[in-house]
Structures are given as C-alpha cells and as structure tokens.
C-alpha cells in the first residue's frame, strides 16, 4: 500500500515541471502557470517542500532549514508554523509577491460509483470525438466559453463531460498529468451547479482508461466551498493541506 507521504510526492511531481535539481519551473499544464516561490504539501505523516527555480540559494537554504522543523500539515485551516518567516525571507527578493494560497487535497479510487442522470462522454471514444466535432463546427456556446473553454483543445485530455439534455453541464479534465499521478480539474456552468453534475463528471473521469496506473487527486482552495462539496458528495479520502507563497 502506498503511504500518504509518497502519494504527496507523486502529486507534487505531477503538479510542476522541475529542474534537474528539483527546483520548480512552472506548472505541469499546457498554460505553464508560473510556479510559486515556495510550495509545501502535508499529510498526517510529513511534508513535501519545494522551491522555485528563481529563489536565491541563500534564501532557499534558510527556507529548507525551517522546513525541517515544520509540523505535518494535515488539518484543514492549519497554517505552517514558519509561514511568516517564509514570507519575510522571500520579501528580500525583488520578484517575490508575498501572496499566500492555501489548498486542500483528496485522493480517490478509479472505481468511483456515483448515481446521476447525466450522460457521460469520455475523451478518446467515438462519442467524445463526436462531441468535439460538434463543438468545433457549432461553437462552444457562451456558458461553456465563459468557463475558459473557447476551443475544443481547451479540454485537456483525458476528460469526461457530463451532459444535460445533450448540452455540457460539467467537465472534469486532467489539470495535471504526471508519470505516477493525475490531478482533476472540474468546471461546471453556473446553471448546473449544485445539482451533482460536477460529481458525476469527476466520477466518470476517475474511471477513464487513460488514467489507469496513476494515483488520482482532487484539490481545491480552502475558500472554494462548492468544490469541497464535490469531494464530500463523492466520499473522497482527505489527504492533507498545501501552502504556496508567490
């Protein structure tokens, strides 16, 4: 059985593209979002700490020394005891913003049962190809485009779409895809929120054949209550918390 701290390492490796020395370059996604200056993920048995490639060596060494004594980040709302020190150290660097973001993480199985009336369509299937062709020829539609999906290629595979009356209600996609882990991203049109479509899409995504052999993760910010409800609907196992400082 894979231990939680090892799972955190897999997830962190899936989240970011790194240098040979392990420094964070940018997000492991097509949009290549800049990596944070400091990233900490914790569970009940320990933490994973990574530093951005632009952090000066002296600052990195100071952060790492503090990180050794950092208690395990596990409970929702728990802050790193050295958080203020991390921010102060980074404040000495011109590129640092000092913005702190907190997240929560869950892990879930590939076989995830969730009963719903939505029609599920998977990427890489005839139905999935048909859906993409229709979107390409007829347009994404304003509700879907408003979520940031302005072209069919914006559905990062593997993905699962939950349809309501033939229209996309929610999409679960591979927000991050690594060798050992995958993180789901979920987007739901406003009119379909709170009706279980996000949970249905996520459950369908979990069973996608292209994800076989990878550990599956669901993450969200501590302020995104609706996203946390999806994790609760699906009965996902809570893993731990994460902090990043930009």
Protein backbone atom coordinates (compact mmCIF):
# COMPACT_ATOMS: atom_id res chain seq x y z
CA UNK A 1 0.00 0.00 0.00
CA UNK A 2 1.38 3.40 -0.97
CA UNK A 3 1.99 5.63 2.05
CA UNK A 4 0.45 9.11 2.19
CA UNK A 5 3.79 10.93 2.15
CA UNK A 6 4.77 9.05 -1.00
CA UNK A 7 1.41 9.96 -2.53
CA UNK A 8 2.14 13.62 -1.80
CA UNK A 9 5.45 13.31 -3.61
CA UNK A 10 3.73 11.78 -6.64
CA UNK A 11 1.17 14.58 -6.65
CA UNK A 12 3.81 17.29 -6.32
CA UNK A 13 5.78 15.78 -9.19
CA UNK A 14 2.62 15.86 -11.30
CA UNK A 15 1.85 19.47 -10.40
CA UNK A 16 5.11 21.01 -11.55
CA UNK A 17 7.85 20.82 -14.14
CA UNK A 18 11.19 20.94 -12.34
CA UNK A 19 14.87 21.50 -12.99
CA UNK A 20 17.31 18.56 -12.66
CA UNK A 21 18.00 19.75 -9.10
CA UNK A 22 14.30 19.65 -8.20
CA UNK A 23 13.52 23.38 -8.34
CA UNK A 24 10.06 24.33 -9.63
CA UNK A 25 9.99 25.82 -13.14
CA UNK A 26 6.26 26.15 -13.88
CA UNK A 27 3.01 24.24 -13.65
CA UNK A 28 2.82 20.92 -15.46
CA UNK A 29 -0.03 22.07 -17.69
CA UNK A 30 -0.41 23.49 -21.20
CA UNK A 31 -0.84 27.03 -19.84
CA UNK A 32 2.50 26.81 -17.96
CA UNK A 33 1.41 28.91 -14.98
CA UNK A 34 4.46 30.25 -13.10
CA UNK A 35 5.47 28.10 -10.15
CA UNK A 36 5.34 29.52 -6.61
CA UNK A 37 8.49 30.52 -4.78
CA UNK A 38 7.70 28.04 -2.00
CA UNK A 39 5.32 25.08 -2.10
CA UNK A 40 4.52 22.89 0.91
CA UNK A 41 2.14 19.95 0.94
CA UNK A 42 1.48 17.99 4.10
CA UNK A 43 -0.31 14.91 5.36
CA UNK A 44 -0.52 13.11 8.68
CA UNK A 45 2.98 11.66 8.34
CA UNK A 46 5.05 14.53 6.97
CA UNK A 47 5.50 17.31 4.44
CA UNK A 48 6.87 17.82 0.95
CA UNK A 49 8.65 21.15 0.40
CA UNK A 50 9.74 22.50 -2.98
CA UNK A 51 11.32 25.82 -4.00
CA UNK A 52 11.01 27.86 -7.17
CA UNK A 53 13.98 27.95 -9.53
CA UNK A 54 14.31 31.73 -9.16
CA UNK A 55 14.78 31.69 -5.37
CA UNK A 56 18.32 32.68 -4.42
CA UNK A 57 20.42 29.88 -2.93
CA UNK A 58 20.86 31.62 0.42
CA UNK A 59 17.11 32.14 0.76
CA UNK A 60 16.42 28.56 -0.34
CA UNK A 61 18.81 27.21 2.30
CA UNK A 62 17.14 29.29 5.02
CA UNK A 63 13.66 28.11 3.98
CA UNK A 64 14.77 24.49 3.87
CA UNK A 65 16.28 24.75 7.36
CA UNK A 66 12.95 26.00 8.69
CA UNK A 67 11.08 23.35 6.73
CA UNK A 68 12.86 20.53 8.53
CA UNK A 69 11.11 21.52 11.77
CA UNK A 70 7.73 22.23 10.16
CA UNK A 71 4.98 20.09 11.76
CA UNK A 72 2.94 17.94 9.41
CA UNK A 73 0.29 19.99 7.58
CA UNK A 74 -2.82 17.92 7.74
CA UNK A 75 -5.82 19.59 9.34
CA UNK A 76 -7.94 21.91 7.18
CA UNK A 77 -7.13 25.51 8.11
CA UNK A 78 -3.80 24.57 9.68
CA UNK A 79 -1.04 27.03 8.77
CA UNK A 80 2.69 26.31 8.63
CA UNK A 81 4.24 27.49 11.87
CA UNK A 82 7.03 29.17 9.90
CA UNK A 83 4.75 30.79 7.31
CA UNK A 84 5.59 34.36 8.34
CA UNK A 85 9.28 33.52 8.24
CA UNK A 86 8.97 32.13 4.71
CA UNK A 87 7.22 35.31 3.60
CA UNK A 88 9.84 37.53 5.25
CA UNK A 89 12.69 35.62 3.64
CA UNK A 90 11.10 35.87 0.20
CA UNK A 91 10.31 39.57 0.70
CA UNK A 92 14.01 40.28 0.29
CA UNK A 93 13.80 39.12 -3.33
CA UNK A 94 12.55 41.56 -5.95
CA UNK A 95 10.40 39.04 -7.84
CA UNK A 96 8.53 37.82 -4.76
CA UNK A 97 4.93 38.98 -4.29
CA UNK A 98 4.32 37.52 -0.85
CA UNK A 99 0.94 36.13 -1.91
CA UNK A 100 -0.07 33.09 0.16
CA UNK A 101 -2.50 30.47 -1.15
CA UNK A 102 -3.88 27.52 0.78
CA UNK A 103 -5.37 24.35 -0.65
CA UNK A 104 -6.89 21.04 0.40
CA UNK A 105 -6.23 17.66 -1.19
CA UNK A 106 -8.15 14.42 -1.52
CA UNK A 107 -7.32 11.10 -3.18
CA UNK A 108 -9.83 8.81 -4.82
CA UNK A 109 -10.08 5.40 -6.49
CA UNK A 110 -10.54 4.64 -10.17
CA UNK A 111 -13.79 2.82 -9.49
CA UNK A 112 -15.91 5.63 -8.09
CA UNK A 113 -19.65 4.99 -8.03
CA UNK A 114 -21.95 7.99 -8.22
CA UNK A 115 -25.51 7.69 -9.49
CA UNK A 116 -26.73 10.56 -11.64
CA UNK A 117 -28.91 11.08 -14.70
CA UNK A 118 -26.15 12.87 -16.64
CA UNK A 119 -24.87 11.35 -19.87
CA UNK A 120 -21.12 10.88 -19.52
CA UNK A 121 -18.85 11.28 -22.54
CA UNK A 122 -15.16 10.34 -22.39
CA UNK A 123 -12.31 11.67 -24.49
CA UNK A 124 -10.76 9.17 -26.90
CA UNK A 125 -14.10 7.47 -27.62
CA UNK A 126 -16.40 7.79 -30.66
CA UNK A 127 -18.86 9.76 -28.53
CA UNK A 128 -16.06 12.01 -27.34
CA UNK A 129 -14.83 12.62 -30.88
CA UNK A 130 -18.38 13.38 -31.99
CA UNK A 131 -18.77 15.92 -29.18
CA UNK A 132 -15.53 17.67 -30.13
CA UNK A 133 -16.53 17.76 -33.80
CA UNK A 134 -19.88 19.31 -32.88
CA UNK A 135 -18.24 21.94 -30.69
CA UNK A 136 -15.73 22.71 -33.42
CA UNK A 137 -18.41 23.17 -36.07
CA UNK A 138 -21.17 24.78 -34.00
CA UNK A 139 -19.10 26.67 -31.45
CA UNK A 140 -18.52 26.15 -27.75
CA UNK A 141 -21.55 28.14 -26.65
CA UNK A 142 -21.45 31.10 -24.28
CA UNK A 143 -21.92 29.19 -20.99
CA UNK A 144 -19.01 26.83 -21.75
CA UNK A 145 -16.80 29.56 -23.25
CA UNK A 146 -17.36 31.67 -20.13
CA UNK A 147 -15.61 28.92 -18.15
CA UNK A 148 -12.48 29.41 -20.29
CA UNK A 149 -13.16 26.69 -22.86
CA UNK A 150 -13.03 28.76 -26.05
CA UNK A 151 -11.95 25.87 -28.28
CA UNK A 152 -12.26 22.05 -28.09
CA UNK A 153 -8.49 21.81 -27.49
CA UNK A 154 -9.07 23.56 -24.15
CA UNK A 155 -10.45 20.27 -22.82
CA UNK A 156 -7.16 18.81 -21.58
CA UNK A 157 -7.29 15.03 -22.02
CA UNK A 158 -8.19 12.70 -20.61
CA UNK A 159 -11.53 14.34 -19.87
CA UNK A 160 -15.10 13.43 -19.07
CA UNK A 161 -18.07 15.64 -19.91
CA UNK A 162 -21.38 15.38 -18.09
CA UNK A 163 -24.22 16.28 -20.45
CA UNK A 164 -27.66 17.56 -19.51
CA UNK A 165 -30.08 17.20 -22.41
CA UNK A 166 -27.20 16.94 -24.86
CA UNK A 167 -25.51 20.11 -23.58
CA UNK A 168 -22.36 20.25 -21.49
CA UNK A 169 -23.16 20.80 -17.83
CA UNK A 170 -19.73 19.99 -16.35
CA UNK A 171 -16.30 18.84 -17.50
CA UNK A 172 -13.65 17.01 -15.48
CA UNK A 173 -10.24 17.09 -17.14
CA UNK A 174 -6.58 16.37 -16.46
CA UNK A 175 -5.46 19.66 -14.92
CA UNK A 176 -2.10 17.99 -14.25
CA UNK A 177 -0.85 14.70 -15.64
CA UNK A 178 2.33 13.09 -14.35
CA UNK A 179 4.01 9.72 -14.59
CA UNK A 180 2.50 8.43 -11.34
CA UNK A 181 -0.34 10.84 -10.62
CA UNK A 182 -3.10 12.93 -12.17
CA UNK A 183 -4.99 15.93 -10.78
CA UNK A 184 -8.51 16.57 -11.91
CA UNK A 185 -9.83 19.99 -12.77
CA UNK A 186 -13.59 20.44 -12.81
CA UNK A 187 -15.63 23.24 -14.41
CA UNK A 188 -19.42 23.48 -14.26
CA UNK A 189 -21.66 26.02 -15.95
CA UNK A 190 -23.49 28.21 -13.38
CA UNK A 191 -26.97 26.93 -14.27
CA UNK A 192 -25.90 23.35 -13.48
CA UNK A 193 -24.08 23.96 -10.21
CA UNK A 194 -25.31 22.34 -7.03
CA UNK A 195 -27.08 19.57 -8.97
CA UNK A 196 -24.43 16.85 -8.89
CA UNK A 197 -23.08 17.30 -12.42
CA UNK A 198 -19.54 18.10 -11.21
CA UNK A 199 -19.51 14.96 -9.07
CA UNK A 200 -20.83 12.88 -11.98
CA UNK A 201 -18.13 14.21 -14.34
CA UNK A 202 -15.42 13.61 -11.75
CA UNK A 203 -16.58 10.06 -11.11
CA UNK A 204 -16.57 9.39 -14.84
CA UNK A 205 -13.10 10.91 -15.19
CA UNK A 206 -11.77 8.63 -12.44
CA UNK A 207 -12.67 5.58 -14.47
CA UNK A 208 -11.09 6.82 -17.70
CA UNK A 209 -8.86 4.04 -19.14
CA UNK A 210 -6.10 6.56 -19.91
CA UNK A 211 -5.66 7.15 -16.16
CA UNK A 212 -5.07 3.51 -15.27
CA UNK A 213 -1.92 3.06 -13.21
CA UNK A 214 -1.90 6.62 -11.87
CA UNK A 215 -2.91 7.84 -8.43
CA UNK A 216 -5.81 10.29 -8.69
CA UNK A 217 -6.03 13.56 -6.78
CA UNK A 218 -8.66 16.22 -6.25
CA UNK A 219 -7.54 19.60 -4.95
CA UNK A 220 -9.17 22.93 -4.30
CA UNK A 221 -8.62 26.13 -2.36
CA UNK A 222 -9.81 26.47 1.22
CA UNK A 223 -12.22 29.20 0.10
CA UNK A 224 -13.89 27.17 -2.67
CA UNK A 225 -16.75 25.69 -0.67
CA UNK A 226 -18.67 24.43 -3.72
CA UNK A 227 -15.64 22.46 -4.89
CA UNK A 228 -15.26 20.98 -1.43
CA UNK A 229 -18.88 19.83 -1.62
CA UNK A 230 -17.99 17.80 -4.72
CA UNK A 231 -15.35 15.94 -2.69
CA UNK A 232 -17.95 15.33 0.01
CA UNK A 233 -20.57 14.06 -2.47
CA UNK A 234 -18.08 11.53 -3.81
CA UNK A 235 -16.80 10.47 -0.39
CA UNK A 236 -13.18 11.17 -1.32
CA UNK A 237 -10.46 10.44 1.22
CA UNK A 238 -8.95 13.60 2.64
CA UNK A 239 -5.16 13.59 2.31
CA UNK A 240 -3.87 16.91 3.58
CA UNK A 241 -3.24 20.59 3.02
CA UNK A 242 -0.97 22.67 0.82
CA UNK A 243 0.50 26.16 1.00
CA UNK A 244 2.26 28.19 -1.63
CA UNK A 245 3.99 31.55 -1.45
CA UNK A 246 4.48 33.52 -4.68
